[in-house]
Amino acid sequence: MEIELGPLFVGGLLAGWGVAVPLGAIGVLLMWEALAGGFGAGAVAALAVALVDGLYCVAALAIGAAAAPVFASWGAAPAVGAGLILLLLGGLGLRRRPAATVPRDKPRPPSPGRVFATFAGLTAINPATLLYFGALTAALPPSLGLHRTPAVFVAGALVASLAWQLILVAVGAFAGGRIGVRGQALLSTCGYGVVMLLGAAAVVAALLGLVAG
């Protein structure tokens, strides 16, 4: 049976946007990275996030629906762990936020390798992405031919994720070049405060689900 690659690629695009578009802690951190370090630093972070999303998509296709019961058996542990890490990152970010006065010496930005490793690690600690891709691929009709040409679907998901992350980076870089030091300090405080709120919400939601279950 002949397989049309267009619908499969579009399906990957939609799946990738479904993962990436909801703005969470990673999106906030991406925008702040671009605001503080420019578009180049933000683009490295965006590439890391998109690649991990792509790897999760590959993993979902490789192990199929078998992954869902495994992660479900872990209960609230992954969500609580991810939430605590976000709380820690937010707290550290608030401590290191830029001062509202012009610094004498501009701090040295982190290396691209460190930025990449940081954002890859932050994205990888969220197994919900794997569960999402696993559930979605299991629900796709066999006539789409996913089992025969999975690379097309993965490519679509990767392109969609990277495109959205770069949009967030561009927004952050645009803002960073047009606001003063005081504005950056205020945005930094708000951004890392949001990260802490998202982390606390993740922990509370996981614990409430555990109690309700």
N, C-alpha and C. Protein backbone atom coordinates (compact mmCIF):
# COMPACT_ATOMS: atom_id res chain seq x y z
N MET A 1 0.84 -1.19 0.00
CA MET A 1 0.00 0.00 0.00
C MET A 1 0.87 1.25 0.00
N GLU A 2 0.58 2.19 -0.88
CA GLU A 2 1.35 3.42 -0.99
C GLU A 2 1.00 4.35 0.16
N ILE A 3 2.04 4.93 0.75
CA ILE A 3 1.85 5.79 1.90
C ILE A 3 2.09 7.24 1.49
N GLU A 4 1.16 8.13 1.82
CA GLU A 4 1.33 9.55 1.57
C GLU A 4 2.08 10.17 2.74
N LEU A 5 3.26 10.74 2.42
CA LEU A 5 4.10 11.28 3.48
C LEU A 5 3.59 12.61 4.01
N GLY A 6 2.86 13.37 3.19
CA GLY A 6 2.37 14.67 3.62
C GLY A 6 1.51 14.61 4.87
N PRO A 7 0.44 13.82 4.88
CA PRO A 7 -0.39 13.74 6.10
C PRO A 7 0.39 13.26 7.32
N LEU A 8 1.35 12.37 7.12
CA LEU A 8 2.13 11.88 8.24
C LEU A 8 3.01 12.98 8.82
N PHE A 9 3.61 13.80 7.93
CA PHE A 9 4.44 14.92 8.38
C PHE A 9 3.57 15.96 9.10
N VAL A 10 2.41 16.24 8.54
CA VAL A 10 1.49 17.19 9.18
C VAL A 10 1.06 16.67 10.55
N GLY A 11 0.83 15.36 10.64
CA GLY A 11 0.49 14.78 11.94
C GLY A 11 1.60 14.99 12.95
N GLY A 12 2.87 14.85 12.50
CA GLY A 12 4.00 15.12 13.38
C GLY A 12 4.06 16.58 13.79
N LEU A 13 3.78 17.48 12.85
CA LEU A 13 3.74 18.91 13.17
C LEU A 13 2.72 19.21 14.26
N LEU A 14 1.52 18.67 14.09
CA LEU A 14 0.47 18.92 15.06
C LEU A 14 0.83 18.34 16.43
N ALA A 15 1.43 17.15 16.41
CA ALA A 15 1.85 16.53 17.67
C ALA A 15 2.92 17.37 18.36
N GLY A 16 3.89 17.85 17.57
CA GLY A 16 4.95 18.67 18.15
C GLY A 16 4.43 19.97 18.73
N TRP A 17 3.49 20.60 18.02
CA TRP A 17 2.91 21.83 18.57
C TRP A 17 2.06 21.55 19.78
N GLY A 18 1.41 20.39 19.81
CA GLY A 18 0.62 20.03 20.97
C GLY A 18 1.46 19.93 22.23
N VAL A 19 2.71 19.48 22.09
CA VAL A 19 3.62 19.40 23.22
C VAL A 19 4.20 20.77 23.57
N ALA A 20 4.58 21.53 22.54
CA ALA A 20 5.40 22.73 22.75
C ALA A 20 4.61 23.98 23.07
N VAL A 21 3.45 24.16 22.44
CA VAL A 21 2.76 25.45 22.52
C VAL A 21 2.27 25.81 23.92
N PRO A 22 1.72 24.89 24.72
CA PRO A 22 1.31 25.29 26.07
C PRO A 22 2.51 25.86 26.84
N LEU A 23 2.43 27.14 27.22
CA LEU A 23 3.57 27.82 27.83
C LEU A 23 3.72 27.39 29.28
N GLY A 24 4.82 26.72 29.56
CA GLY A 24 5.13 26.29 30.91
C GLY A 24 6.45 26.85 31.37
N ALA A 25 7.06 26.17 32.34
CA ALA A 25 8.31 26.66 32.91
C ALA A 25 9.43 26.71 31.88
N ILE A 26 9.51 25.71 31.01
CA ILE A 26 10.57 25.70 30.00
C ILE A 26 10.44 26.89 29.06
N GLY A 27 9.22 27.21 28.66
CA GLY A 27 9.01 28.36 27.79
C GLY A 27 9.45 29.66 28.47
N VAL A 28 9.12 29.81 29.75
CA VAL A 28 9.52 31.01 30.48
C VAL A 28 11.04 31.10 30.57
N LEU A 29 11.67 29.98 30.88
CA LEU A 29 13.13 29.97 30.98
C LEU A 29 13.80 30.24 29.63
N LEU A 30 13.20 29.73 28.55
CA LEU A 30 13.74 30.00 27.22
C LEU A 30 13.71 31.50 26.92
N MET A 31 12.60 32.14 27.21
CA MET A 31 12.48 33.57 26.94
C MET A 31 13.48 34.37 27.79
N TRP A 32 13.64 33.94 29.02
CA TRP A 32 14.60 34.65 29.87
C TRP A 32 16.04 34.43 29.39
N GLU A 33 16.36 33.24 28.94
CA GLU A 33 17.70 32.96 28.42
C GLU A 33 18.01 33.88 27.24
N ALA A 34 17.03 34.07 26.35
CA ALA A 34 17.23 34.95 25.20
C ALA A 34 17.27 36.40 25.63
N LEU A 35 16.48 36.77 26.62
CA LEU A 35 16.47 38.14 27.10
C LEU A 35 17.81 38.52 27.71
N ALA A 36 18.39 37.58 28.47
CA ALA A 36 19.65 37.86 29.15
C ALA A 36 20.86 37.64 28.27
N GLY A 37 20.81 36.59 27.43
CA GLY A 37 22.01 36.22 26.66
C GLY A 37 21.91 36.48 25.17
N GLY A 38 20.76 36.94 24.69
CA GLY A 38 20.60 37.20 23.27
C GLY A 38 20.02 36.02 22.52
N PHE A 39 19.77 36.27 21.23
CA PHE A 39 19.12 35.24 20.42
C PHE A 39 19.98 33.99 20.28
N GLY A 40 21.30 34.16 20.17
CA GLY A 40 22.19 33.00 20.00
C GLY A 40 22.09 32.02 21.15
N ALA A 41 22.18 32.54 22.38
CA ALA A 41 22.08 31.67 23.55
C ALA A 41 20.71 31.02 23.62
N GLY A 42 19.67 31.80 23.31
CA GLY A 42 18.33 31.25 23.34
C GLY A 42 18.12 30.19 22.29
N ALA A 43 18.73 30.37 21.11
CA ALA A 43 18.59 29.38 20.04
C ALA A 43 19.22 28.06 20.43
N VAL A 44 20.35 28.10 21.14
CA VAL A 44 20.99 26.87 21.62
C VAL A 44 20.04 26.15 22.58
N ALA A 45 19.44 26.91 23.48
CA ALA A 45 18.50 26.32 24.43
C ALA A 45 17.28 25.74 23.70
N ALA A 46 16.79 26.47 22.69
CA ALA A 46 15.63 25.99 21.93
C ALA A 46 15.95 24.69 21.21
N LEU A 47 17.16 24.60 20.66
CA LEU A 47 17.57 23.37 19.98
C LEU A 47 17.61 22.20 20.94
N ALA A 48 18.09 22.43 22.15
CA ALA A 48 18.14 21.37 23.15
C ALA A 48 16.75 20.87 23.49
N VAL A 49 15.82 21.81 23.70
CA VAL A 49 14.45 21.43 24.04
C VAL A 49 13.81 20.63 22.91
N ALA A 50 13.98 21.11 21.68
CA ALA A 50 13.37 20.44 20.53
C ALA A 50 13.96 19.05 20.32
N LEU A 51 15.26 18.90 20.51
CA LEU A 51 15.88 17.59 20.32
C LEU A 51 15.39 16.58 21.35
N VAL A 52 15.22 17.01 22.58
CA VAL A 52 14.69 16.09 23.60
C VAL A 52 13.25 15.72 23.28
N ASP A 53 12.47 16.70 22.81
CA ASP A 53 11.10 16.38 22.38
C ASP A 53 11.14 15.32 21.26
N GLY A 54 12.06 15.50 20.31
CA GLY A 54 12.19 14.53 19.23
C GLY A 54 12.60 13.16 19.72
N LEU A 55 13.51 13.12 20.69
CA LEU A 55 13.94 11.84 21.25
C LEU A 55 12.80 11.15 21.99
N TYR A 56 12.00 11.93 22.69
CA TYR A 56 10.84 11.35 23.36
C TYR A 56 9.85 10.78 22.34
N CYS A 57 9.72 11.48 21.21
CA CYS A 57 8.84 10.98 20.16
C CYS A 57 9.37 9.66 19.61
N VAL A 58 10.69 9.58 19.40
CA VAL A 58 11.31 8.34 18.94
C VAL A 58 11.09 7.23 19.95
N ALA A 59 11.29 7.56 21.24
CA ALA A 59 11.10 6.55 22.29
C ALA A 59 9.67 6.05 22.32
N ALA A 60 8.72 6.97 22.15
CA ALA A 60 7.31 6.57 22.15
C ALA A 60 7.00 5.63 21.00
N LEU A 61 7.58 5.91 19.85
CA LEU A 61 7.36 5.04 18.69
C LEU A 61 8.05 3.69 18.88
N ALA A 62 9.18 3.69 19.57
CA ALA A 62 9.94 2.45 19.74
C ALA A 62 9.30 1.51 20.75
N ILE A 63 8.81 2.06 21.84
CA ILE A 63 8.29 1.19 22.91
C ILE A 63 6.77 1.20 22.97
N GLY A 64 6.16 2.10 22.18
CA GLY A 64 4.71 2.11 22.08
C GLY A 64 4.01 2.36 23.40
N ALA A 65 2.85 1.80 23.53
CA ALA A 65 2.02 2.04 24.71
C ALA A 65 2.58 1.37 25.96
N ALA A 66 3.64 0.56 25.81
CA ALA A 66 4.20 -0.12 26.98
C ALA A 66 4.79 0.86 27.98
N ALA A 67 5.16 2.06 27.53
CA ALA A 67 5.77 3.03 28.43
C ALA A 67 4.77 3.60 29.42
N ALA A 68 3.53 3.75 29.01
CA ALA A 68 2.53 4.38 29.87
C ALA A 68 2.35 3.66 31.21
N PRO A 69 2.17 2.32 31.23
CA PRO A 69 2.02 1.67 32.53
C PRO A 69 3.26 1.80 33.41
N VAL A 70 4.44 1.85 32.79
CA VAL A 70 5.68 1.96 33.57
C VAL A 70 5.72 3.28 34.31
N PHE A 71 5.49 4.38 33.59
CA PHE A 71 5.51 5.67 34.25
C PHE A 71 4.34 5.83 35.20
N ALA A 72 3.21 5.25 34.85
CA ALA A 72 2.05 5.33 35.74
C ALA A 72 2.33 4.62 37.06
N SER A 73 3.14 3.57 37.01
CA SER A 73 3.46 2.83 38.23
C SER A 73 4.34 3.62 39.18
N TRP A 74 4.99 4.67 38.66
CA TRP A 74 5.83 5.50 39.52
C TRP A 74 5.00 6.46 40.36
N GLY A 75 3.71 6.54 40.09
CA GLY A 75 2.84 7.40 40.87
C GLY A 75 3.18 8.87 40.69
N ALA A 76 3.21 9.59 41.82
CA ALA A 76 3.43 11.04 41.78
C ALA A 76 4.89 11.42 41.79
N ALA A 77 5.80 10.44 41.90
CA ALA A 77 7.22 10.75 42.06
C ALA A 77 7.79 11.62 40.94
N PRO A 78 7.56 11.31 39.65
CA PRO A 78 8.14 12.16 38.60
C PRO A 78 7.65 13.60 38.66
N ALA A 79 6.36 13.79 38.87
CA ALA A 79 5.81 15.14 38.92
C ALA A 79 6.32 15.92 40.13
N VAL A 80 6.40 15.24 41.27
CA VAL A 80 6.91 15.90 42.47
C VAL A 80 8.39 16.26 42.28
N GLY A 81 9.17 15.34 41.72
CA GLY A 81 10.58 15.62 41.48
C GLY A 81 10.77 16.79 40.53
N ALA A 82 10.01 16.81 39.44
CA ALA A 82 10.11 17.91 38.49
C ALA A 82 9.70 19.22 39.13
N GLY A 83 8.65 19.20 39.94
CA GLY A 83 8.20 20.41 40.61
C GLY A 83 9.24 20.95 41.58
N LEU A 84 9.88 20.06 42.34
CA LEU A 84 10.91 20.50 43.28
C LEU A 84 12.11 21.10 42.54
N ILE A 85 12.46 20.51 41.41
CA ILE A 85 13.57 21.06 40.62
C ILE A 85 13.22 22.46 40.11
N LEU A 86 11.98 22.66 39.67
CA LEU A 86 11.55 23.98 39.22
C LEU A 86 11.58 24.99 40.37
N LEU A 87 11.17 24.56 41.55
CA LEU A 87 11.24 25.45 42.71
C LEU A 87 12.68 25.85 43.00
N LEU A 88 13.59 24.88 42.91
CA LEU A 88 15.00 25.16 43.15
C LEU A 88 15.55 26.12 42.10
N LEU A 89 15.21 25.86 40.83
CA LEU A 89 15.69 26.74 39.76
C LEU A 89 15.14 28.16 39.92
N GLY A 90 13.87 28.26 40.25
CA GLY A 90 13.29 29.58 40.45
C GLY A 90 13.94 30.32 41.60
N GLY A 91 14.19 29.61 42.70
CA GLY A 91 14.83 30.24 43.84
C GLY A 91 16.25 30.70 43.53
N LEU A 92 17.00 29.84 42.84
CA LEU A 92 18.37 30.23 42.46
C LEU A 92 18.35 31.40 41.48
N GLY A 93 17.38 31.38 40.57
CA GLY A 93 17.28 32.47 39.62
C GLY A 93 16.97 33.80 40.30
N LEU A 94 16.10 33.78 41.30
CA LEU A 94 15.78 35.00 42.02
C LEU A 94 17.01 35.52 42.78
N ARG A 95 17.82 34.63 43.28
CA ARG A 95 19.02 35.06 43.99
C ARG A 95 20.04 35.69 43.04
N ARG A 96 20.07 35.17 41.80
CA ARG A 96 21.07 35.65 40.84
C ARG A 96 20.50 36.65 39.85
N ARG A 97 19.28 37.14 40.06
CA ARG A 97 18.68 38.06 39.10
C ARG A 97 19.52 39.32 38.99
N PRO A 98 19.51 39.97 37.85
CA PRO A 98 20.33 41.17 37.66
C PRO A 98 19.88 42.30 38.56
N ALA A 99 20.83 43.09 39.00
CA ALA A 99 20.50 44.23 39.84
C ALA A 99 19.80 45.30 39.02
N ALA A 100 19.08 46.18 39.71
CA ALA A 100 18.35 47.24 39.03
C ALA A 100 19.23 48.41 38.63
N THR A 101 20.52 48.33 38.96
CA THR A 101 21.47 49.36 38.56
C THR A 101 22.43 48.78 37.54
N VAL A 102 23.05 49.62 36.78
CA VAL A 102 23.96 49.17 35.73
C VAL A 102 25.21 48.58 36.37
N PRO A 103 25.56 47.32 36.09
CA PRO A 103 26.74 46.71 36.70
C PRO A 103 28.01 47.28 36.10
N ARG A 104 29.07 47.31 36.90
CA ARG A 104 30.36 47.78 36.40
C ARG A 104 30.97 46.80 35.42
N ASP A 105 30.89 45.56 35.77
CA ASP A 105 31.45 44.51 34.91
C ASP A 105 30.33 43.59 34.47
N LYS A 106 30.17 43.42 33.17
CA LYS A 106 29.13 42.55 32.64
C LYS A 106 29.48 41.10 32.92
N PRO A 107 28.59 40.33 33.56
CA PRO A 107 28.92 38.94 33.87
C PRO A 107 29.14 38.12 32.60
N ARG A 108 30.05 37.18 32.72
CA ARG A 108 30.35 36.32 31.57
C ARG A 108 29.21 35.34 31.35
N PRO A 109 28.66 35.29 30.12
CA PRO A 109 27.54 34.38 29.87
C PRO A 109 28.00 32.93 29.89
N PRO A 110 27.11 32.00 30.21
CA PRO A 110 27.50 30.58 30.20
C PRO A 110 27.83 30.13 28.79
N SER A 111 28.63 29.08 28.70
CA SER A 111 29.03 28.56 27.40
C SER A 111 27.83 27.91 26.71
N PRO A 112 27.86 27.86 25.37
CA PRO A 112 26.75 27.20 24.66
C PRO A 112 26.55 25.75 25.10
N GLY A 113 27.65 25.05 25.39
CA GLY A 113 27.52 23.67 25.84
C GLY A 113 26.77 23.56 27.16
N ARG A 114 27.05 24.49 28.06
CA ARG A 114 26.36 24.46 29.35
C ARG A 114 24.89 24.80 29.18
N VAL A 115 24.59 25.78 28.34
CA VAL A 115 23.19 26.14 28.08
C VAL A 115 22.44 24.95 27.48
N PHE A 116 23.07 24.30 26.52
CA PHE A 116 22.44 23.14 25.87
C PHE A 116 22.18 22.04 26.89
N ALA A 117 23.18 21.71 27.70
CA ALA A 117 23.03 20.63 28.68
C ALA A 117 21.96 20.96 29.71
N THR A 118 21.90 22.22 30.13
CA THR A 118 20.90 22.63 31.13
C THR A 118 19.49 22.45 30.61
N PHE A 119 19.23 22.94 29.40
CA PHE A 119 17.87 22.87 28.88
C PHE A 119 17.50 21.46 28.43
N ALA A 120 18.48 20.71 27.97
CA ALA A 120 18.19 19.31 27.63
C ALA A 120 17.80 18.54 28.89
N GLY A 121 18.53 18.79 29.97
CA GLY A 121 18.22 18.10 31.22
C GLY A 121 16.86 18.50 31.77
N LEU A 122 16.55 19.81 31.71
CA LEU A 122 15.26 20.27 32.22
C LEU A 122 14.10 19.68 31.43
N THR A 123 14.28 19.55 30.13
CA THR A 123 13.21 18.99 29.30
C THR A 123 13.08 17.48 29.53
N ALA A 124 14.20 16.83 29.74
CA ALA A 124 14.20 15.37 29.88
C ALA A 124 13.55 14.89 31.17
N ILE A 125 13.50 15.76 32.20
CA ILE A 125 12.94 15.30 33.48
C ILE A 125 11.42 15.26 33.46
N ASN A 126 10.82 15.63 32.34
CA ASN A 126 9.36 15.63 32.25
C ASN A 126 8.89 14.44 31.41
N PRO A 127 8.56 13.31 32.03
CA PRO A 127 8.13 12.13 31.26
C PRO A 127 6.75 12.27 30.65
N ALA A 128 6.05 13.36 31.00
CA ALA A 128 4.72 13.55 30.41
C ALA A 128 4.80 13.67 28.89
N THR A 129 5.92 14.19 28.41
CA THR A 129 6.09 14.30 26.95
C THR A 129 6.08 12.92 26.31
N LEU A 130 6.76 11.98 26.93
CA LEU A 130 6.79 10.61 26.41
C LEU A 130 5.39 9.99 26.44
N LEU A 131 4.68 10.22 27.53
CA LEU A 131 3.33 9.68 27.64
C LEU A 131 2.41 10.30 26.58
N TYR A 132 2.59 11.59 26.34
CA TYR A 132 1.77 12.26 25.34
C TYR A 132 2.00 11.65 23.96
N PHE A 133 3.26 11.53 23.57
CA PHE A 133 3.57 10.95 22.27
C PHE A 133 3.13 9.49 22.19
N GLY A 134 3.30 8.78 23.30
CA GLY A 134 2.89 7.38 23.31
C GLY A 134 1.40 7.22 23.09
N ALA A 135 0.61 8.05 23.79
CA ALA A 135 -0.84 7.97 23.64
C ALA A 135 -1.27 8.40 22.25
N LEU A 136 -0.62 9.44 21.74
CA LEU A 136 -1.02 9.96 20.43
C LEU A 136 -0.71 8.96 19.32
N THR A 137 0.50 8.40 19.33
CA THR A 137 0.88 7.47 18.27
C THR A 137 0.03 6.20 18.32
N ALA A 138 -0.37 5.80 19.53
CA ALA A 138 -1.21 4.61 19.65
C ALA A 138 -2.61 4.86 19.08
N ALA A 139 -3.02 6.14 19.08
CA ALA A 139 -4.36 6.47 18.61
C ALA A 139 -4.42 6.74 17.11
N LEU A 140 -3.26 6.87 16.45
CA LEU A 140 -3.26 7.16 15.02
C LEU A 140 -3.76 5.96 14.22
N PRO A 141 -4.52 6.18 13.17
CA PRO A 141 -5.02 5.05 12.36
C PRO A 141 -3.88 4.34 11.63
N PRO A 142 -3.93 3.02 11.52
CA PRO A 142 -2.87 2.27 10.82
C PRO A 142 -2.71 2.69 9.37
N SER A 143 -3.78 3.18 8.75
CA SER A 143 -3.70 3.58 7.35
C SER A 143 -2.75 4.74 7.12
N LEU A 144 -2.40 5.45 8.19
CA LEU A 144 -1.47 6.58 8.04
C LEU A 144 -0.06 6.10 7.73
N GLY A 145 0.24 4.84 8.06
CA GLY A 145 1.54 4.27 7.74
C GLY A 145 2.65 4.66 8.68
N LEU A 146 2.30 4.98 9.92
CA LEU A 146 3.32 5.42 10.89
C LEU A 146 4.35 4.32 11.13
N HIS A 147 3.92 3.07 11.15
CA HIS A 147 4.84 1.97 11.45
C HIS A 147 5.85 1.74 10.32
N ARG A 148 5.57 2.24 9.13
CA ARG A 148 6.46 2.02 8.00
C ARG A 148 7.41 3.20 7.77
N THR A 149 6.97 4.41 8.07
CA THR A 149 7.81 5.59 7.88
C THR A 149 7.76 6.49 9.12
N PRO A 150 8.23 6.00 10.26
CA PRO A 150 8.14 6.81 11.49
C PRO A 150 9.01 8.05 11.44
N ALA A 151 10.10 8.02 10.63
CA ALA A 151 11.00 9.17 10.60
C ALA A 151 10.29 10.43 10.13
N VAL A 152 9.32 10.29 9.24
CA VAL A 152 8.59 11.45 8.74
C VAL A 152 7.79 12.09 9.86
N PHE A 153 7.14 11.27 10.67
CA PHE A 153 6.36 11.78 11.80
C PHE A 153 7.28 12.46 12.81
N VAL A 154 8.41 11.84 13.11
CA VAL A 154 9.36 12.41 14.07
C VAL A 154 9.90 13.74 13.55
N ALA A 155 10.21 13.79 12.25
CA ALA A 155 10.71 15.03 11.66
C ALA A 155 9.69 16.15 11.80
N GLY A 156 8.42 15.84 11.58
CA GLY A 156 7.38 16.85 11.75
C GLY A 156 7.30 17.35 13.18
N ALA A 157 7.36 16.44 14.15
CA ALA A 157 7.30 16.83 15.55
C ALA A 157 8.50 17.68 15.94
N LEU A 158 9.68 17.31 15.44
CA LEU A 158 10.91 18.04 15.75
C LEU A 158 10.87 19.45 15.17
N VAL A 159 10.44 19.56 13.92
CA VAL A 159 10.36 20.87 13.26
C VAL A 159 9.36 21.77 13.99
N ALA A 160 8.22 21.21 14.37
CA ALA A 160 7.20 22.01 15.06
C ALA A 160 7.71 22.51 16.40
N SER A 161 8.34 21.62 17.17
CA SER A 161 8.85 22.01 18.48
C SER A 161 9.92 23.09 18.34
N LEU A 162 10.87 22.89 17.43
CA LEU A 162 11.94 23.86 17.26
C LEU A 162 11.40 25.21 16.80
N ALA A 163 10.43 25.20 15.88
CA ALA A 163 9.87 26.45 15.39
C ALA A 163 9.23 27.25 16.53
N TRP A 164 8.48 26.56 17.38
CA TRP A 164 7.82 27.27 18.48
C TRP A 164 8.82 27.78 19.50
N GLN A 165 9.82 26.95 19.84
CA GLN A 165 10.83 27.41 20.80
C GLN A 165 11.57 28.63 20.27
N LEU A 166 11.86 28.66 18.97
CA LEU A 166 12.56 29.81 18.38
C LEU A 166 11.68 31.06 18.39
N ILE A 167 10.37 30.89 18.27
CA ILE A 167 9.48 32.04 18.39
C ILE A 167 9.58 32.64 19.79
N LEU A 168 9.57 31.79 20.82
CA LEU A 168 9.72 32.28 22.19
C LEU A 168 11.06 32.97 22.38
N VAL A 169 12.11 32.39 21.81
CA VAL A 169 13.44 32.98 21.91
C VAL A 169 13.47 34.34 21.23
N ALA A 170 12.86 34.44 20.06
CA ALA A 170 12.84 35.71 19.35
C ALA A 170 12.12 36.79 20.16
N VAL A 171 11.02 36.41 20.81
CA VAL A 171 10.30 37.35 21.66
C VAL A 171 11.18 37.83 22.80
N GLY A 172 11.89 36.88 23.44
CA GLY A 172 12.77 37.24 24.54
C GLY A 172 13.91 38.13 24.09
N ALA A 173 14.53 37.81 22.96
CA ALA A 173 15.64 38.61 22.45
C ALA A 173 15.16 40.01 22.04
N PHE A 174 13.98 40.08 21.45
CA PHE A 174 13.41 41.38 21.05
C PHE A 174 13.20 42.26 22.27
N ALA A 175 12.65 41.67 23.32
CA ALA A 175 12.40 42.45 24.53
C ALA A 175 13.71 42.85 25.19
N GLY A 176 14.69 41.94 25.19
CA GLY A 176 15.96 42.22 25.85
C GLY A 176 16.70 43.39 25.23
N GLY A 177 16.52 43.60 23.95
CA GLY A 177 17.21 44.70 23.30
C GLY A 177 16.51 46.02 23.41
N ARG A 178 15.33 46.05 24.07
CA ARG A 178 14.54 47.28 24.10
C ARG A 178 14.11 47.71 25.50
N ILE A 179 14.55 47.01 26.49
CA ILE A 179 14.23 47.43 27.85
C ILE A 179 15.53 47.67 28.60
N GLY A 180 15.45 48.52 29.60
CA GLY A 180 16.63 48.88 30.37
C GLY A 180 16.97 47.84 31.42
N VAL A 181 17.99 48.19 32.21
CA VAL A 181 18.45 47.27 33.26
C VAL A 181 17.37 47.06 34.31
N ARG A 182 16.68 48.14 34.66
CA ARG A 182 15.60 47.99 35.65
C ARG A 182 14.48 47.09 35.12
N GLY A 183 14.16 47.25 33.85
CA GLY A 183 13.14 46.41 33.24
C GLY A 183 13.54 44.95 33.22
N GLN A 184 14.82 44.70 32.90
CA GLN A 184 15.29 43.31 32.90
C GLN A 184 15.24 42.71 34.29
N ALA A 185 15.58 43.52 35.31
CA ALA A 185 15.52 43.02 36.69
C ALA A 185 14.09 42.67 37.07
N LEU A 186 13.14 43.53 36.67
CA LEU A 186 11.73 43.27 36.98
C LEU A 186 11.24 42.03 36.26
N LEU A 187 11.56 41.91 34.96
CA LEU A 187 11.13 40.73 34.20
C LEU A 187 11.77 39.46 34.75
N SER A 188 13.02 39.57 35.18
CA SER A 188 13.68 38.40 35.75
C SER A 188 12.97 37.94 37.01
N THR A 189 12.62 38.89 37.87
CA THR A 189 11.91 38.53 39.11
C THR A 189 10.57 37.89 38.79
N CYS A 190 9.83 38.49 37.85
CA CYS A 190 8.53 37.93 37.47
C CYS A 190 8.68 36.55 36.84
N GLY A 191 9.67 36.41 35.95
CA GLY A 191 9.86 35.14 35.24
C GLY A 191 10.20 33.99 36.18
N TYR A 192 11.16 34.22 37.06
CA TYR A 192 11.54 33.15 37.98
C TYR A 192 10.46 32.92 39.03
N GLY A 193 9.68 33.98 39.34
CA GLY A 193 8.54 33.78 40.22
C GLY A 193 7.51 32.86 39.59
N VAL A 194 7.27 33.03 38.28
CA VAL A 194 6.35 32.14 37.57
C VAL A 194 6.86 30.71 37.58
N VAL A 195 8.18 30.54 37.39
CA VAL A 195 8.77 29.20 37.42
C VAL A 195 8.51 28.55 38.77
N MET A 196 8.70 29.31 39.85
CA MET A 196 8.45 28.76 41.18
C MET A 196 6.98 28.42 41.38
N LEU A 197 6.08 29.26 40.88
CA LEU A 197 4.66 28.97 40.99
C LEU A 197 4.28 27.71 40.23
N LEU A 198 4.85 27.54 39.03
CA LEU A 198 4.58 26.33 38.25
C LEU A 198 5.13 25.10 38.97
N GLY A 199 6.30 25.23 39.58
CA GLY A 199 6.86 24.11 40.33
C GLY A 199 6.00 23.74 41.52
N ALA A 200 5.55 24.76 42.27
CA ALA A 200 4.68 24.50 43.42
C ALA A 200 3.37 23.88 42.98
N ALA A 201 2.83 24.38 41.86
CA ALA A 201 1.57 23.82 41.36
C ALA A 201 1.73 22.36 40.96
N ALA A 202 2.88 22.03 40.35
CA ALA A 202 3.11 20.65 39.94
C ALA A 202 3.17 19.72 41.16
N VAL A 203 3.86 20.17 42.22
CA VAL A 203 3.98 19.36 43.43
C VAL A 203 2.61 19.18 44.08
N VAL A 204 1.87 20.29 44.22
CA VAL A 204 0.56 20.22 44.88
C VAL A 204 -0.40 19.33 44.09
N ALA A 205 -0.41 19.50 42.77
CA ALA A 205 -1.32 18.69 41.94
C ALA A 205 -0.99 17.22 42.04
N ALA A 206 0.32 16.89 42.05
CA ALA A 206 0.72 15.49 42.15
C ALA A 206 0.32 14.90 43.49
N LEU A 207 0.52 15.65 44.57
CA LEU A 207 0.19 15.15 45.90
C LEU A 207 -1.32 15.01 46.09
N LEU A 208 -2.07 15.98 45.54
CA LEU A 208 -3.54 15.89 45.62
C LEU A 208 -4.05 14.68 44.84
N GLY A 209 -3.44 14.43 43.67
CA GLY A 209 -3.82 13.25 42.91
C GLY A 209 -3.50 11.98 43.65
N LEU A 210 -2.38 11.99 44.38
CA LEU A 210 -1.99 10.81 45.16
C LEU A 210 -2.98 10.55 46.28
N VAL A 211 -3.40 11.65 46.95
CA VAL A 211 -4.37 11.51 48.05
C VAL A 211 -5.72 11.06 47.54
N ALA A 212 -6.12 11.67 46.40
CA ALA A 212 -7.43 11.31 45.83
C ALA A 212 -7.47 9.88 45.34
N GLY A 213 -6.29 9.40 44.87
CA GLY A 213 -6.23 8.03 44.35
C GLY A 213 -6.21 7.02 45.47
